C-alpha atoms as a PDB file:
ATOM      1  CA  UNK A   1     101.148 -11.583  -7.695  1.00  0.00           C
ATOM      2  CA  UNK A   2      99.462 -14.896  -7.241  1.00  0.00           C
ATOM      3  CA  UNK A   3     102.840 -16.625  -6.164  1.00  0.00           C
ATOM      4  CA  UNK A   4     103.208 -13.867  -3.424  1.00  0.00           C
ATOM      5  CA  UNK A   5      99.631 -14.500  -2.099  1.00  0.00           C
ATOM      6  CA  UNK A   6     100.228 -18.363  -2.044  1.00  0.00           C
ATOM      7  CA  UNK A   7     103.656 -17.959  -0.308  1.00  0.00           C
ATOM      8  CA  UNK A   8     101.950 -15.677   2.392  1.00  0.00           C
ATOM      9  CA  UNK A   9      99.317 -18.010   3.143  1.00  0.00           C
ATOM     10  CA  UNK A  10     101.722 -20.903   3.460  1.00  0.00           C
ATOM     11  CA  UNK A  11     103.933 -18.767   5.718  1.00  0.00           C
ATOM     12  CA  UNK A  12     101.040 -17.915   8.028  1.00  0.00           C
ATOM     13  CA  UNK A  13     100.066 -21.527   8.221  1.00  0.00           C
ATOM     14  CA  UNK A  14     103.546 -22.842   9.106  1.00  0.00           C
ATOM     15  CA  UNK A  15     104.413 -19.914  11.439  1.00  0.00           C
ATOM     16  CA  UNK A  16     101.347 -20.653  13.514  1.00  0.00           C
ATOM     17  CA  UNK A  17     102.652 -24.159  14.036  1.00  0.00           C
ATOM     18  CA  UNK A  18      99.346 -25.601  15.358  1.00  0.00           C
ATOM     19  CA  UNK A  19      98.278 -29.063  14.298  1.00  0.00           C
ATOM     20  CA  UNK A  20      94.740 -27.947  14.251  1.00  0.00           C
ATOM     21  CA  UNK A  21      95.325 -26.282  11.003  1.00  0.00           C
ATOM     22  CA  UNK A  22      96.052 -29.584   9.148  1.00  0.00           C
ATOM     23  CA  UNK A  23      92.844 -29.806   7.450  1.00  0.00           C
ATOM     24  CA  UNK A  24      93.049 -26.097   6.433  1.00  0.00           C
ATOM     25  CA  UNK A  25      96.563 -26.894   5.106  1.00  0.00           C
ATOM     26  CA  UNK A  26      95.430 -29.774   2.989  1.00  0.00           C
ATOM     27  CA  UNK A  27      92.605 -27.751   1.631  1.00  0.00           C
ATOM     28  CA  UNK A  28      95.113 -24.796   0.793  1.00  0.00           C
ATOM     29  CA  UNK A  29      97.522 -27.203  -0.828  1.00  0.00           C
ATOM     30  CA  UNK A  30      94.668 -28.655  -3.101  1.00  0.00           C
ATOM     31  CA  UNK A  31      93.293 -25.076  -3.769  1.00  0.00           C
ATOM     32  CA  UNK A  32      96.844 -23.996  -4.630  1.00  0.00           C
ATOM     33  CA  UNK A  33      97.148 -26.853  -7.355  1.00  0.00           C
ATOM     34  CA  UNK A  34      93.717 -26.183  -8.615  1.00  0.00           C
ATOM     35  CA  UNK A  35      94.658 -22.450  -9.180  1.00  0.00           C
ATOM     36  CA  UNK A  36      97.973 -23.335 -10.768  1.00  0.00           C
ATOM     37  CA  UNK A  37      96.237 -25.815 -13.127  1.00  0.00           C
ATOM     38  CA  UNK A  38      93.588 -23.292 -13.895  1.00  0.00           C
ATOM     39  CA  UNK A  39      96.150 -20.684 -14.759  1.00  0.00           C
ATOM     40  CA  UNK A  40      98.040 -22.923 -17.180  1.00  0.00           C
ATOM     41  CA  UNK A  41      94.854 -24.171 -18.875  1.00  0.00           C
ATOM     42  CA  UNK A  42      94.071 -20.419 -19.352  1.00  0.00           C
ATOM     43  CA  UNK A  43      97.349 -19.685 -20.780  1.00  0.00           C
ATOM     44  CA  UNK A  44      97.201 -22.788 -23.060  1.00  0.00           C
ATOM     45  CA  UNK A  45      93.873 -21.933 -24.376  1.00  0.00           C
ATOM     46  CA  UNK A  46      94.821 -18.303 -25.013  1.00  0.00           C
ATOM     47  CA  UNK A  47      97.846 -19.380 -26.948  1.00  0.00           C
ATOM     48  CA  UNK A  48      95.990 -21.850 -28.950  1.00  0.00           C
ATOM     49  CA  UNK A  49      93.436 -19.292 -29.854  1.00  0.00           C
ATOM     50  CA  UNK A  50      96.305 -17.126 -31.049  1.00  0.00           C
ATOM     51  CA  UNK A  51      97.883 -19.753 -33.073  1.00  0.00           C
ATOM     52  CA  UNK A  52      94.507 -20.722 -34.717  1.00  0.00           C
ATOM     53  CA  UNK A  53      93.887 -17.016 -35.543  1.00  0.00           C
ATOM     54  CA  UNK A  54      97.394 -16.852 -36.987  1.00  0.00           C
ATOM     55  CA  UNK A  55      96.805 -19.781 -39.308  1.00  0.00           C
ATOM     56  CA  UNK A  56      93.524 -18.273 -40.601  1.00  0.00           C
ATOM     57  CA  UNK A  57      95.217 -14.930 -41.121  1.00  0.00           C
ATOM     58  CA  UNK A  58      98.296 -16.566 -42.832  1.00  0.00           C
ATOM     59  CA  UNK A  59      95.937 -18.191 -45.357  1.00  0.00           C
ATOM     60  CA  UNK A  60      94.508 -14.695 -46.450  1.00  0.00           C
ATOM     61  CA  UNK A  61      98.130 -13.186 -46.395  1.00  0.00           C
ATOM     62  CA  UNK A  62      99.399 -15.959 -48.605  1.00  0.00           C
ATOM     63  CA  UNK A  63      96.506 -15.672 -51.105  1.00  0.00           C
ATOM     64  CA  UNK A  64      96.902 -11.790 -51.130  1.00  0.00           C
ATOM     65  CA  UNK A  65     100.688 -12.395 -51.930  1.00  0.00           C
ATOM     66  CA  UNK A  66      99.717 -14.878 -54.716  1.00  0.00           C
ATOM     67  CA  UNK A  67      97.396 -12.489 -56.427  1.00  0.00           C
ATOM     68  CA  UNK A  68      99.546  -9.546 -56.137  1.00  0.00           C
ATOM     69  CA  UNK A  69     102.632 -11.549 -57.572  1.00  0.00           C
ATOM     70  CA  UNK A  70     100.727 -12.655 -60.503  1.00  0.00           C
ATOM     71  CA  UNK A  71      99.693  -9.193 -61.277  1.00  0.00           C
ATOM     72  CA  UNK A  72     103.247  -7.787 -60.931  1.00  0.00           C
ATOM     73  CA  UNK A  73     104.640 -10.714 -62.936  1.00  0.00           C
ATOM     74  CA  UNK A  74     102.289 -10.465 -65.899  1.00  0.00           C
ATOM     75  CA  UNK A  75     100.575  -7.223 -65.436  1.00  0.00           C
ATOM     76  CA  UNK A  76      97.342  -8.568 -67.093  1.00  0.00           C
ATOM     77  CA  UNK A  77      94.632 -11.155 -66.559  1.00  0.00           C
ATOM     78  CA  UNK A  78      94.617 -12.297 -70.313  1.00  0.00           C
ATOM     79  CA  UNK A  79      97.211 -14.384 -71.758  1.00  0.00           C
ATOM     80  CA  UNK A  80      97.503 -16.696 -74.711  1.00  0.00           C
ATOM     81  CA  UNK A  81     100.102 -18.854 -73.203  1.00  0.00           C
ATOM     82  CA  UNK A  82      98.710 -21.938 -71.472  1.00  0.00           C
ATOM     83  CA  UNK A  83     101.278 -22.021 -68.662  1.00  0.00           C
ATOM     84  CA  UNK A  84     100.422 -18.449 -67.822  1.00  0.00           C
ATOM     85  CA  UNK A  85      96.713 -19.233 -67.901  1.00  0.00           C
ATOM     86  CA  UNK A  86      96.974 -21.440 -64.892  1.00  0.00           C
ATOM     87  CA  UNK A  87      98.898 -18.795 -63.010  1.00  0.00           C
ATOM     88  CA  UNK A  88      96.071 -16.356 -64.073  1.00  0.00           C
ATOM     89  CA  UNK A  89      93.436 -18.800 -62.731  1.00  0.00           C
ATOM     90  CA  UNK A  90      95.435 -19.268 -59.627  1.00  0.00           C
ATOM     91  CA  UNK A  91      95.567 -15.532 -59.196  1.00  0.00           C
ATOM     92  CA  UNK A  92      91.860 -14.930 -59.531  1.00  0.00           C
ATOM     93  CA  UNK A  93      91.195 -17.798 -56.912  1.00  0.00           C
ATOM     94  CA  UNK A  94      93.671 -16.072 -54.657  1.00  0.00           C
ATOM     95  CA  UNK A  95      91.737 -12.841 -55.079  1.00  0.00           C
ATOM     96  CA  UNK A  96      88.531 -14.612 -54.082  1.00  0.00           C
ATOM     97  CA  UNK A  97      90.170 -16.146 -50.994  1.00  0.00           C
ATOM     98  CA  UNK A  98      91.743 -12.978 -49.799  1.00  0.00           C
ATOM     99  CA  UNK A  99      89.651  -9.973 -50.650  1.00  0.00           C
ATOM    100  CA  UNK A 100      86.680 -10.956 -53.001  1.00  0.00           C
ATOM    101  CA  UNK A 101      83.551 -13.117 -52.214  1.00  0.00           C
ATOM    102  CA  UNK A 102      84.465 -15.316 -49.205  1.00  0.00           C
ATOM    103  CA  UNK A 103      87.794 -13.756 -48.815  1.00  0.00           C
ATOM    104  CA  UNK A 104      85.794 -10.412 -48.169  1.00  0.00           C
ATOM    105  CA  UNK A 105      83.947 -11.973 -45.173  1.00  0.00           C
ATOM    106  CA  UNK A 106      87.078 -13.626 -43.930  1.00  0.00           C
ATOM    107  CA  UNK A 107      88.970 -10.282 -43.898  1.00  0.00           C
ATOM    108  CA  UNK A 108      86.111  -8.503 -41.978  1.00  0.00           C
ATOM    109  CA  UNK A 109      86.056 -11.235 -39.332  1.00  0.00           C
ATOM    110  CA  UNK A 110      89.826 -11.572 -39.033  1.00  0.00           C
ATOM    111  CA  UNK A 111      91.334  -8.112 -39.468  1.00  0.00           C
ATOM    112  CA  UNK A 112      90.751  -4.457 -38.495  1.00  0.00           C
ATOM    113  CA  UNK A 113      89.642  -1.481 -40.605  1.00  0.00           C
ATOM    114  CA  UNK A 114      93.149  -0.905 -41.926  1.00  0.00           C
ATOM    115  CA  UNK A 115      93.417  -4.251 -43.683  1.00  0.00           C
ATOM    116  CA  UNK A 116      89.921  -3.838 -44.870  1.00  0.00           C
ATOM    117  CA  UNK A 117      90.294  -0.550 -46.504  1.00  0.00           C
ATOM    118  CA  UNK A 118      93.471  -1.760 -48.267  1.00  0.00           C
ATOM    119  CA  UNK A 119      91.579  -4.888 -49.384  1.00  0.00           C
ATOM    120  CA  UNK A 120      88.837  -2.503 -50.606  1.00  0.00           C
ATOM    121  CA  UNK A 121      91.393  -0.700 -52.823  1.00  0.00           C
ATOM    122  CA  UNK A 122      92.746  -3.918 -53.990  1.00  0.00           C
ATOM    123  CA  UNK A 123      89.297  -5.192 -55.034  1.00  0.00           C
ATOM    124  CA  UNK A 124      88.705  -1.971 -56.921  1.00  0.00           C
ATOM    125  CA  UNK A 125      92.129  -2.327 -58.660  1.00  0.00           C
ATOM    126  CA  UNK A 126      91.271  -6.032 -59.332  1.00  0.00           C
ATOM    127  CA  UNK A 127      87.902  -5.014 -60.921  1.00  0.00           C
ATOM    128  CA  UNK A 128      89.188  -2.411 -63.222  1.00  0.00           C
ATOM    129  CA  UNK A 129      92.290  -4.675 -64.301  1.00  0.00           C
ATOM    130  CA  UNK A 130      89.661  -7.571 -65.105  1.00  0.00           C
ATOM    131  CA  UNK A 131      87.448  -5.321 -66.819  1.00  0.00           C
ATOM    132  CA  UNK A 132      89.958  -3.517 -69.023  1.00  0.00           C
ATOM    133  CA  UNK A 133      92.861  -6.198 -69.186  1.00  0.00           C
ATOM    134  CA  UNK A 134      91.908  -6.695 -72.935  1.00  0.00           C
ATOM    135  CA  UNK A 135      92.387  -2.906 -73.853  1.00  0.00           C
ATOM    136  CA  UNK A 136      90.573   0.428 -73.435  1.00  0.00           C
ATOM    137  CA  UNK A 137      87.514  -0.386 -75.478  1.00  0.00           C
ATOM    138  CA  UNK A 138      85.331   2.613 -76.396  1.00  0.00           C
ATOM    139  CA  UNK A 139      85.347   4.236 -72.934  1.00  0.00           C
ATOM    140  CA  UNK A 140      88.607   5.812 -72.858  1.00  0.00           C
ATOM    141  CA  UNK A 141      91.534   6.571 -75.230  1.00  0.00           C
ATOM    142  CA  UNK A 142      94.392   4.126 -75.577  1.00  0.00           C
ATOM    143  CA  UNK A 143      96.614   6.684 -73.579  1.00  0.00           C
ATOM    144  CA  UNK A 144      94.267   6.977 -70.742  1.00  0.00           C
ATOM    145  CA  UNK A 145      94.001   3.328 -70.544  1.00  0.00           C
ATOM    146  CA  UNK A 146      97.801   2.832 -70.556  1.00  0.00           C
ATOM    147  CA  UNK A 147      98.219   5.488 -67.852  1.00  0.00           C
ATOM    148  CA  UNK A 148      95.414   4.004 -65.671  1.00  0.00           C
ATOM    149  CA  UNK A 149      96.803   0.415 -66.106  1.00  0.00           C
ATOM    150  CA  UNK A 150     100.183   1.813 -65.158  1.00  0.00           C
ATOM    151  CA  UNK A 151      98.818   3.347 -62.055  1.00  0.00           C
ATOM    152  CA  UNK A 152      96.984  -0.001 -61.057  1.00  0.00           C
ATOM    153  CA  UNK A 153     100.003  -2.039 -61.477  1.00  0.00           C
ATOM    154  CA  UNK A 154     102.099   0.498 -59.456  1.00  0.00           C
ATOM    155  CA  UNK A 155      99.427   0.427 -56.684  1.00  0.00           C
ATOM    156  CA  UNK A 156      99.742  -3.449 -56.720  1.00  0.00           C
ATOM    157  CA  UNK A 157     103.515  -3.358 -56.762  1.00  0.00           C
ATOM    158  CA  UNK A 158     103.465  -0.952 -53.770  1.00  0.00           C
ATOM    159  CA  UNK A 159     100.926  -3.149 -51.929  1.00  0.00           C
ATOM    160  CA  UNK A 160     103.297  -6.190 -52.292  1.00  0.00           C
ATOM    161  CA  UNK A 161     105.953  -4.237 -50.677  1.00  0.00           C
ATOM    162  CA  UNK A 162     104.096  -2.900 -47.858  1.00  0.00           C
ATOM    163  CA  UNK A 163     102.106  -6.089 -47.087  1.00  0.00           C
ATOM    164  CA  UNK A 164     104.575  -7.382 -44.483  1.00  0.00           C
ATOM    165  CA  UNK A 165     104.325  -4.278 -42.485  1.00  0.00           C
ATOM    166  CA  UNK A 166     100.468  -3.758 -42.621  1.00  0.00           C
ATOM    167  CA  UNK A 167      99.947  -7.431 -41.527  1.00  0.00           C
ATOM    168  CA  UNK A 168     102.592  -7.165 -38.784  1.00  0.00           C
ATOM    169  CA  UNK A 169     100.224  -6.116 -35.985  1.00  0.00           C
ATOM    170  CA  UNK A 170      98.034  -9.091 -36.759  1.00  0.00           C
ATOM    171  CA  UNK A 171     100.795 -11.733 -37.346  1.00  0.00           C
ATOM    172  CA  UNK A 172     103.970 -10.894 -35.430  1.00  0.00           C
ATOM    173  CA  UNK A 173     104.878 -13.080 -32.474  1.00  0.00           C
ATOM    174  CA  UNK A 174     108.172 -11.461 -31.678  1.00  0.00           C
ATOM    175  CA  UNK A 175     111.632 -12.571 -32.532  1.00  0.00           C
ATOM    176  CA  UNK A 176     111.729 -16.310 -31.954  1.00  0.00           C
ATOM    177  CA  UNK A 177     114.799 -17.038 -33.892  1.00  0.00           C
ATOM    178  CA  UNK A 178     117.077 -16.744 -31.011  1.00  0.00           C
END
C-alpha cells in the first residue's frame, strides 16, 4: 500500500514536468527515504522483541522438560544413589524455574491462561510427589498411595508428550528448515 502511494506521488510530480516542483520533489524523496527507514526500523524492533520473548519462553520450556524428564525417569524425588541425587536436585531447580516460585511469575508474564493452568496442575502434582515420595505415611493406605503415585506419574508422562503442542502457539516461527 505504501509503495503504491509513493509511486503515485512520484508519477504526479514527473508527469507535471514543471521545474517549479524541484523543491517539492527533493522533499518527497527525503520523506520517502525517511518513511522506508522508519518502516524497516519498526520491523526490526518487532522481530527483536519476538526473538527476546522466544528466548525467555524457551528457558521456561526447557526447565519444564528437565523436571518432567526426571520424574518420568526416576518416578521419585528420593534416591540413595549419589548420581541420581544430582539429577533430582536439577529437577527441583527446574521446577522452581518453570512453574514454582520465580518460575510461577515468569509463566504469568510470558504465557496465557492455558500454560498457567497446566503449570498449576504440574505444581499440585509436584507438591504431592514431594510430600509423599517416601511412602504413604499414616494419611492413606499403601494401595491408595501406589494408585495416586501412578496417576501423578502418568500425568507427568502425558504432560511431557503434549508440551510441544501446548507451547507451539507461543514459540512457533513457521517452517524455516527450507
